[in-house]
Amino acid sequence: MKFDKDQLEEIKIAFIYICVFLFAAILWLIGYYAAFILFPVGAGVLIVWGIILGLALAFGSGMAAAHIHEEL
């Protein structure tokens, strides 16, 4: 299975998107549990944190999916 230069570039871009998404997901988990430990009574903080990072993850994964779909 051989890839030409453009296909390799697109695979690299898709891989970067996936890595960024996974990194954001890991940061979200760390932040969520850190906020839960630091602010055990601050449910509002957790809700806001979850909404903001959830939207960021959804936007990032949507952009990656759109880019990959566009190239296919």
PDB file of N, CA and C in Angstrom:
ATOM      1  N   MET A   1       0.848  -1.180   0.000  1.00  0.00           N
ATOM      2  CA  MET A   1       0.000   0.000   0.000  1.00  0.00           C
ATOM      3  C   MET A   1       0.890   1.238   0.000  1.00  0.00           C
ATOM      4  N   LYS A   2       0.867   1.962  -1.090  1.00  0.00           N
ATOM      5  CA  LYS A   2       1.703   3.150  -1.204  1.00  0.00           C
ATOM      6  C   LYS A   2       0.833   4.400  -1.166  1.00  0.00           C
ATOM      7  N   PHE A   3       1.363   5.419  -0.533  1.00  0.00           N
ATOM      8  CA  PHE A   3       0.672   6.701  -0.444  1.00  0.00           C
ATOM      9  C   PHE A   3       1.480   7.743  -1.201  1.00  0.00           C
ATOM     10  N   ASP A   4       0.775   8.640  -1.858  1.00  0.00           N
ATOM     11  CA  ASP A   4       1.503   9.743  -2.475  1.00  0.00           C
ATOM     12  C   ASP A   4       1.715  10.847  -1.430  1.00  0.00           C
ATOM     13  N   LYS A   5       2.409  11.889  -1.838  1.00  0.00           N
ATOM     14  CA  LYS A   5       2.801  12.941  -0.888  1.00  0.00           C
ATOM     15  C   LYS A   5       1.590  13.626  -0.256  1.00  0.00           C
ATOM     16  N   ASP A   6       0.542  13.903  -1.056  1.00  0.00           N
ATOM     17  CA  ASP A   6      -0.648  14.576  -0.524  1.00  0.00           C
ATOM     18  C   ASP A   6      -1.372  13.712   0.498  1.00  0.00           C
ATOM     19  N   GLN A   7      -1.467  12.417   0.214  1.00  0.00           N
ATOM     20  CA  GLN A   7      -2.142  11.517   1.153  1.00  0.00           C
ATOM     21  C   GLN A   7      -1.378  11.441   2.468  1.00  0.00           C
ATOM     22  N   LEU A   8      -0.066  11.385   2.389  1.00  0.00           N
ATOM     23  CA  LEU A   8       0.740  11.355   3.615  1.00  0.00           C
ATOM     24  C   LEU A   8       0.544  12.631   4.426  1.00  0.00           C
ATOM     25  N   GLU A   9       0.443  13.755   3.739  1.00  0.00           N
ATOM     26  CA  GLU A   9       0.216  15.028   4.431  1.00  0.00           C
ATOM     27  C   GLU A   9      -1.132  15.016   5.147  1.00  0.00           C
ATOM     28  N   GLU A  10      -2.159  14.489   4.487  1.00  0.00           N
ATOM     29  CA  GLU A  10      -3.491  14.425   5.097  1.00  0.00           C
ATOM     30  C   GLU A  10      -3.521  13.457   6.270  1.00  0.00           C
ATOM     31  N   ILE A  11      -2.822  12.345   6.159  1.00  0.00           N
ATOM     32  CA  ILE A  11      -2.744  11.394   7.271  1.00  0.00           C
ATOM     33  C   ILE A  11      -2.058  12.058   8.458  1.00  0.00           C
ATOM     34  N   LYS A  12      -1.002  12.823   8.181  1.00  0.00           N
ATOM     35  CA  LYS A  12      -0.288  13.526   9.249  1.00  0.00           C
ATOM     36  C   LYS A  12      -1.209  14.533   9.939  1.00  0.00           C
ATOM     37  N   ILE A  13      -1.984  15.293   9.150  1.00  0.00           N
ATOM     38  CA  ILE A  13      -2.907  16.276   9.723  1.00  0.00           C
ATOM     39  C   ILE A  13      -3.972  15.581  10.570  1.00  0.00           C
ATOM     40  N   ALA A  14      -4.534  14.486  10.060  1.00  0.00           N
ATOM     41  CA  ALA A  14      -5.545  13.742  10.816  1.00  0.00           C
ATOM     42  C   ALA A  14      -4.955  13.216  12.121  1.00  0.00           C
ATOM     43  N   PHE A  15      -3.719  12.717  12.066  1.00  0.00           N
ATOM     44  CA  PHE A  15      -3.056  12.203  13.262  1.00  0.00           C
ATOM     45  C   PHE A  15      -2.860  13.318  14.287  1.00  0.00           C
ATOM     46  N   ILE A  16      -2.493  14.511  13.824  1.00  0.00           N
ATOM     47  CA  ILE A  16      -2.319  15.652  14.731  1.00  0.00           C
ATOM     48  C   ILE A  16      -3.647  16.009  15.390  1.00  0.00           C
ATOM     49  N   TYR A  17      -4.731  16.042  14.597  1.00  0.00           N
ATOM     50  CA  TYR A  17      -6.056  16.320  15.160  1.00  0.00           C
ATOM     51  C   TYR A  17      -6.411  15.301  16.242  1.00  0.00           C
ATOM     52  N   ILE A  18      -6.161  14.025  15.956  1.00  0.00           N
ATOM     53  CA  ILE A  18      -6.495  12.972  16.921  1.00  0.00           C
ATOM     54  C   ILE A  18      -5.666  13.137  18.191  1.00  0.00           C
ATOM     55  N   CYS A  19      -4.372  13.434  18.041  1.00  0.00           N
ATOM     56  CA  CYS A  19      -3.511  13.637  19.212  1.00  0.00           C
ATOM     57  C   CYS A  19      -3.978  14.832  20.041  1.00  0.00           C
ATOM     58  N   VAL A  20      -4.353  15.914  19.373  1.00  0.00           N
ATOM     59  CA  VAL A  20      -4.847  17.095  20.091  1.00  0.00           C
ATOM     60  C   VAL A  20      -6.132  16.750  20.836  1.00  0.00           C
ATOM     61  N   PHE A  21      -7.024  16.000  20.192  1.00  0.00           N
ATOM     62  CA  PHE A  21      -8.273  15.600  20.833  1.00  0.00           C
ATOM     63  C   PHE A  21      -7.997  14.748  22.077  1.00  0.00           C
ATOM     64  N   LEU A  22      -7.097  13.768  21.951  1.00  0.00           N
ATOM     65  CA  LEU A  22      -6.771  12.915  23.098  1.00  0.00           C
ATOM     66  C   LEU A  22      -6.118  13.726  24.216  1.00  0.00           C
ATOM     67  N   PHE A  23      -5.234  14.654  23.860  1.00  0.00           N
ATOM     68  CA  PHE A  23      -4.589  15.504  24.858  1.00  0.00           C
ATOM     69  C   PHE A  23      -5.625  16.354  25.584  1.00  0.00           C
ATOM     70  N   ALA A  24      -6.580  16.914  24.822  1.00  0.00           N
ATOM     71  CA  ALA A  24      -7.640  17.716  25.438  1.00  0.00           C
ATOM     72  C   ALA A  24      -8.508  16.857  26.347  1.00  0.00           C
ATOM     73  N   ALA A  25      -8.786  15.621  25.944  1.00  0.00           N
ATOM     74  CA  ALA A  25      -9.592  14.728  26.776  1.00  0.00           C
ATOM     75  C   ALA A  25      -8.871  14.407  28.084  1.00  0.00           C
ATOM     76  N   ILE A  26      -7.568  14.174  28.010  1.00  0.00           N
ATOM     77  CA  ILE A  26      -6.788  13.889  29.222  1.00  0.00           C
ATOM     78  C   ILE A  26      -6.765  15.116  30.132  1.00  0.00           C
ATOM     79  N   LEU A  27      -6.554  16.302  29.545  1.00  0.00           N
ATOM     80  CA  LEU A  27      -6.582  17.526  30.349  1.00  0.00           C
ATOM     81  C   LEU A  27      -7.944  17.723  30.992  1.00  0.00           C
ATOM     82  N   TRP A  28      -9.013  17.407  30.262  1.00  0.00           N
ATOM     83  CA  TRP A  28     -10.361  17.547  30.799  1.00  0.00           C
ATOM     84  C   TRP A  28     -10.529  16.642  32.017  1.00  0.00           C
ATOM     85  N   LEU A  29     -10.092  15.392  31.896  1.00  0.00           N
ATOM     86  CA  LEU A  29     -10.219  14.464  33.026  1.00  0.00           C
ATOM     87  C   LEU A  29      -9.412  14.940  34.225  1.00  0.00           C
ATOM     88  N   ILE A  30      -8.177  15.364  33.987  1.00  0.00           N
ATOM     89  CA  ILE A  30      -7.338  15.855  35.087  1.00  0.00           C
ATOM     90  C   ILE A  30      -7.989  17.071  35.736  1.00  0.00           C
ATOM     91  N   GLY A  31      -8.438  18.017  34.915  1.00  0.00           N
ATOM     92  CA  GLY A  31      -9.068  19.221  35.447  1.00  0.00           C
ATOM     93  C   GLY A  31     -10.350  18.927  36.192  1.00  0.00           C
ATOM     94  N   TYR A  32     -11.142  17.998  35.663  1.00  0.00           N
ATOM     95  CA  TYR A  32     -12.420  17.659  36.296  1.00  0.00           C
ATOM     96  C   TYR A  32     -12.186  17.070  37.683  1.00  0.00           C
ATOM     97  N   TYR A  33     -11.269  16.108  37.777  1.00  0.00           N
ATOM     98  CA  TYR A  33     -11.025  15.489  39.076  1.00  0.00           C
ATOM     99  C   TYR A  33     -10.282  16.428  40.021  1.00  0.00           C
ATOM    100  N   ALA A  34      -9.398  17.274  39.488  1.00  0.00           N
ATOM    101  CA  ALA A  34      -8.719  18.252  40.339  1.00  0.00           C
ATOM    102  C   ALA A  34      -9.735  19.238  40.908  1.00  0.00           C
ATOM    103  N   ALA A  35     -10.678  19.687  40.070  1.00  0.00           N
ATOM    104  CA  ALA A  35     -11.708  20.605  40.555  1.00  0.00           C
ATOM    105  C   ALA A  35     -12.585  19.911  41.590  1.00  0.00           C
ATOM    106  N   PHE A  36     -12.867  18.635  41.385  1.00  0.00           N
ATOM    107  CA  PHE A  36     -13.703  17.887  42.325  1.00  0.00           C
ATOM    108  C   PHE A  36     -13.006  17.745  43.675  1.00  0.00           C
ATOM    109  N   ILE A  37     -11.687  17.536  43.640  1.00  0.00           N
ATOM    110  CA  ILE A  37     -10.925  17.382  44.887  1.00  0.00           C
ATOM    111  C   ILE A  37     -10.756  18.739  45.579  1.00  0.00           C
ATOM    112  N   LEU A  38     -10.445  19.783  44.799  1.00  0.00           N
ATOM    113  CA  LEU A  38     -10.181  21.097  45.384  1.00  0.00           C
ATOM    114  C   LEU A  38     -11.452  21.795  45.856  1.00  0.00           C
ATOM    115  N   PHE A  39     -12.555  21.569  45.139  1.00  0.00           N
ATOM    116  CA  PHE A  39     -13.814  22.236  45.470  1.00  0.00           C
ATOM    117  C   PHE A  39     -14.922  21.202  45.652  1.00  0.00           C
ATOM    118  N   PRO A  40     -14.870  20.423  46.742  1.00  0.00           N
ATOM    119  CA  PRO A  40     -15.855  19.345  46.890  1.00  0.00           C
ATOM    120  C   PRO A  40     -17.293  19.842  46.989  1.00  0.00           C
ATOM    121  N   VAL A  41     -17.495  21.085  47.425  1.00  0.00           N
ATOM    122  CA  VAL A  41     -18.863  21.595  47.535  1.00  0.00           C
ATOM    123  C   VAL A  41     -19.225  22.480  46.344  1.00  0.00           C
ATOM    124  N   GLY A  42     -18.250  22.752  45.466  1.00  0.00           N
ATOM    125  CA  GLY A  42     -18.503  23.656  44.350  1.00  0.00           C
ATOM    126  C   GLY A  42     -19.043  22.941  43.130  1.00  0.00           C
ATOM    127  N   ALA A  43     -20.273  22.454  43.227  1.00  0.00           N
ATOM    128  CA  ALA A  43     -20.868  21.745  42.089  1.00  0.00           C
ATOM    129  C   ALA A  43     -20.991  22.665  40.880  1.00  0.00           C
ATOM    130  N   GLY A  44     -21.249  23.944  41.127  1.00  0.00           N
ATOM    131  CA  GLY A  44     -21.353  24.897  40.018  1.00  0.00           C
ATOM    132  C   GLY A  44     -20.056  25.000  39.238  1.00  0.00           C
ATOM    133  N   VAL A  45     -18.928  24.953  39.954  1.00  0.00           N
ATOM    134  CA  VAL A  45     -17.620  25.005  39.296  1.00  0.00           C
ATOM    135  C   VAL A  45     -17.466  23.805  38.371  1.00  0.00           C
ATOM    136  N   LEU A  46     -17.852  22.633  38.847  1.00  0.00           N
ATOM    137  CA  LEU A  46     -17.737  21.425  38.032  1.00  0.00           C
ATOM    138  C   LEU A  46     -18.631  21.494  36.808  1.00  0.00           C
ATOM    139  N   ILE A  47     -19.836  21.999  36.984  1.00  0.00           N
ATOM    140  CA  ILE A  47     -20.770  22.080  35.858  1.00  0.00           C
ATOM    141  C   ILE A  47     -20.228  23.033  34.795  1.00  0.00           C
ATOM    142  N   VAL A  48     -19.767  24.212  35.217  1.00  0.00           N
ATOM    143  CA  VAL A  48     -19.226  25.184  34.262  1.00  0.00           C
ATOM    144  C   VAL A  48     -17.979  24.626  33.584  1.00  0.00           C
ATOM    145  N   TRP A  49     -17.090  24.016  34.367  1.00  0.00           N
ATOM    146  CA  TRP A  49     -15.862  23.417  33.829  1.00  0.00           C
ATOM    147  C   TRP A  49     -16.211  22.347  32.803  1.00  0.00           C
ATOM    148  N   GLY A  50     -17.177  21.503  33.140  1.00  0.00           N
ATOM    149  CA  GLY A  50     -17.589  20.437  32.230  1.00  0.00           C
ATOM    150  C   GLY A  50     -18.195  20.975  30.946  1.00  0.00           C
ATOM    151  N   ILE A  51     -19.018  22.024  31.059  1.00  0.00           N
ATOM    152  CA  ILE A  51     -19.651  22.600  29.864  1.00  0.00           C
ATOM    153  C   ILE A  51     -18.597  23.224  28.948  1.00  0.00           C
ATOM    154  N   ILE A  52     -17.694  24.018  29.518  1.00  0.00           N
ATOM    155  CA  ILE A  52     -16.683  24.701  28.701  1.00  0.00           C
ATOM    156  C   ILE A  52     -15.788  23.689  27.999  1.00  0.00           C
ATOM    157  N   LEU A  53     -15.269  22.732  28.744  1.00  0.00           N
ATOM    158  CA  LEU A  53     -14.352  21.781  28.129  1.00  0.00           C
ATOM    159  C   LEU A  53     -15.076  20.792  27.231  1.00  0.00           C
ATOM    160  N   GLY A  54     -16.313  20.465  27.576  1.00  0.00           N
ATOM    161  CA  GLY A  54     -17.103  19.602  26.697  1.00  0.00           C
ATOM    162  C   GLY A  54     -17.329  20.258  25.348  1.00  0.00           C
ATOM    163  N   LEU A  55     -17.636  21.557  25.356  1.00  0.00           N
ATOM    164  CA  LEU A  55     -17.814  22.284  24.094  1.00  0.00           C
ATOM    165  C   LEU A  55     -16.504  22.352  23.310  1.00  0.00           C
ATOM    166  N   ALA A  56     -15.404  22.570  24.023  1.00  0.00           N
ATOM    167  CA  ALA A  56     -14.107  22.624  23.341  1.00  0.00           C
ATOM    168  C   ALA A  56     -13.774  21.283  22.699  1.00  0.00           C
ATOM    169  N   LEU A  57     -14.028  20.188  23.420  1.00  0.00           N
ATOM    170  CA  LEU A  57     -13.773  18.860  22.860  1.00  0.00           C
ATOM    171  C   LEU A  57     -14.678  18.583  21.671  1.00  0.00           C
ATOM    172  N   ALA A  58     -15.945  18.945  21.798  1.00  0.00           N
ATOM    173  CA  ALA A  58     -16.886  18.709  20.698  1.00  0.00           C
ATOM    174  C   ALA A  58     -16.471  19.503  19.462  1.00  0.00           C
ATOM    175  N   PHE A  59     -16.055  20.753  19.659  1.00  0.00           N
ATOM    176  CA  PHE A  59     -15.639  21.581  18.529  1.00  0.00           C
ATOM    177  C   PHE A  59     -14.382  21.006  17.881  1.00  0.00           C
ATOM    178  N   GLY A  60     -13.411  20.639  18.717  1.00  0.00           N
ATOM    179  CA  GLY A  60     -12.155  20.095  18.185  1.00  0.00           C
ATOM    180  C   GLY A  60     -12.358  18.792  17.435  1.00  0.00           C
ATOM    181  N   SER A  61     -13.151  17.887  17.995  1.00  0.00           N
ATOM    182  CA  SER A  61     -13.381  16.610  17.320  1.00  0.00           C
ATOM    183  C   SER A  61     -14.227  16.812  16.071  1.00  0.00           C
ATOM    184  N   GLY A  62     -15.157  17.765  16.111  1.00  0.00           N
ATOM    185  CA  GLY A  62     -15.956  18.072  14.927  1.00  0.00           C
ATOM    186  C   GLY A  62     -15.099  18.633  13.809  1.00  0.00           C
ATOM    187  N   MET A  63     -14.154  19.506  14.153  1.00  0.00           N
ATOM    188  CA  MET A  63     -13.251  20.057  13.140  1.00  0.00           C
ATOM    189  C   MET A  63     -12.396  18.954  12.524  1.00  0.00           C
ATOM    190  N   ALA A  64     -11.897  18.048  13.369  1.00  0.00           N
ATOM    191  CA  ALA A  64     -11.083  16.944  12.858  1.00  0.00           C
ATOM    192  C   ALA A  64     -11.900  16.056  11.931  1.00  0.00           C
ATOM    193  N   ALA A  65     -13.118  15.729  12.356  1.00  0.00           N
ATOM    194  CA  ALA A  65     -13.976  14.867  11.536  1.00  0.00           C
ATOM    195  C   ALA A  65     -14.321  15.548  10.215  1.00  0.00           C
ATOM    196  N   ALA A  66     -14.602  16.842  10.255  1.00  0.00           N
ATOM    197  CA  ALA A  66     -14.937  17.571   9.031  1.00  0.00           C
ATOM    198  C   ALA A  66     -13.746  17.602   8.076  1.00  0.00           C
ATOM    199  N   HIS A  67     -12.569  17.805   8.627  1.00  0.00           N
ATOM    200  CA  HIS A  67     -11.373  17.857   7.787  1.00  0.00           C
ATOM    201  C   HIS A  67     -11.107  16.500   7.147  1.00  0.00           C
ATOM    202  N   ILE A  68     -11.210  15.440   7.949  1.00  0.00           N
ATOM    203  CA  ILE A  68     -10.969  14.091   7.425  1.00  0.00           C
ATOM    204  C   ILE A  68     -12.019  13.749   6.369  1.00  0.00           C
ATOM    205  N   HIS A  69     -13.275  14.070   6.651  1.00  0.00           N
ATOM    206  CA  HIS A  69     -14.355  13.771   5.701  1.00  0.00           C
ATOM    207  C   HIS A  69     -14.163  14.551   4.401  1.00  0.00           C
ATOM    208  N   GLU A  70     -13.727  15.794   4.529  1.00  0.00           N
ATOM    209  CA  GLU A  70     -13.509  16.634   3.343  1.00  0.00           C
ATOM    210  C   GLU A  70     -12.454  16.013   2.434  1.00  0.00           C
ATOM    211  N   GLU A  71     -11.433  15.428   3.039  1.00  0.00           N
ATOM    212  CA  GLU A  71     -10.353  14.850   2.247  1.00  0.00           C
ATOM    213  C   GLU A  71     -10.742  13.510   1.635  1.00  0.00           C
ATOM    214  N   LEU A  72     -11.686  12.815   2.253  1.00  0.00           N
ATOM    215  CA  LEU A  72     -12.125  11.529   1.702  1.00  0.00           C
ATOM    216  C   LEU A  72     -13.081  11.794   0.560  1.00  0.00           C
TER     217      LEU A  72
END
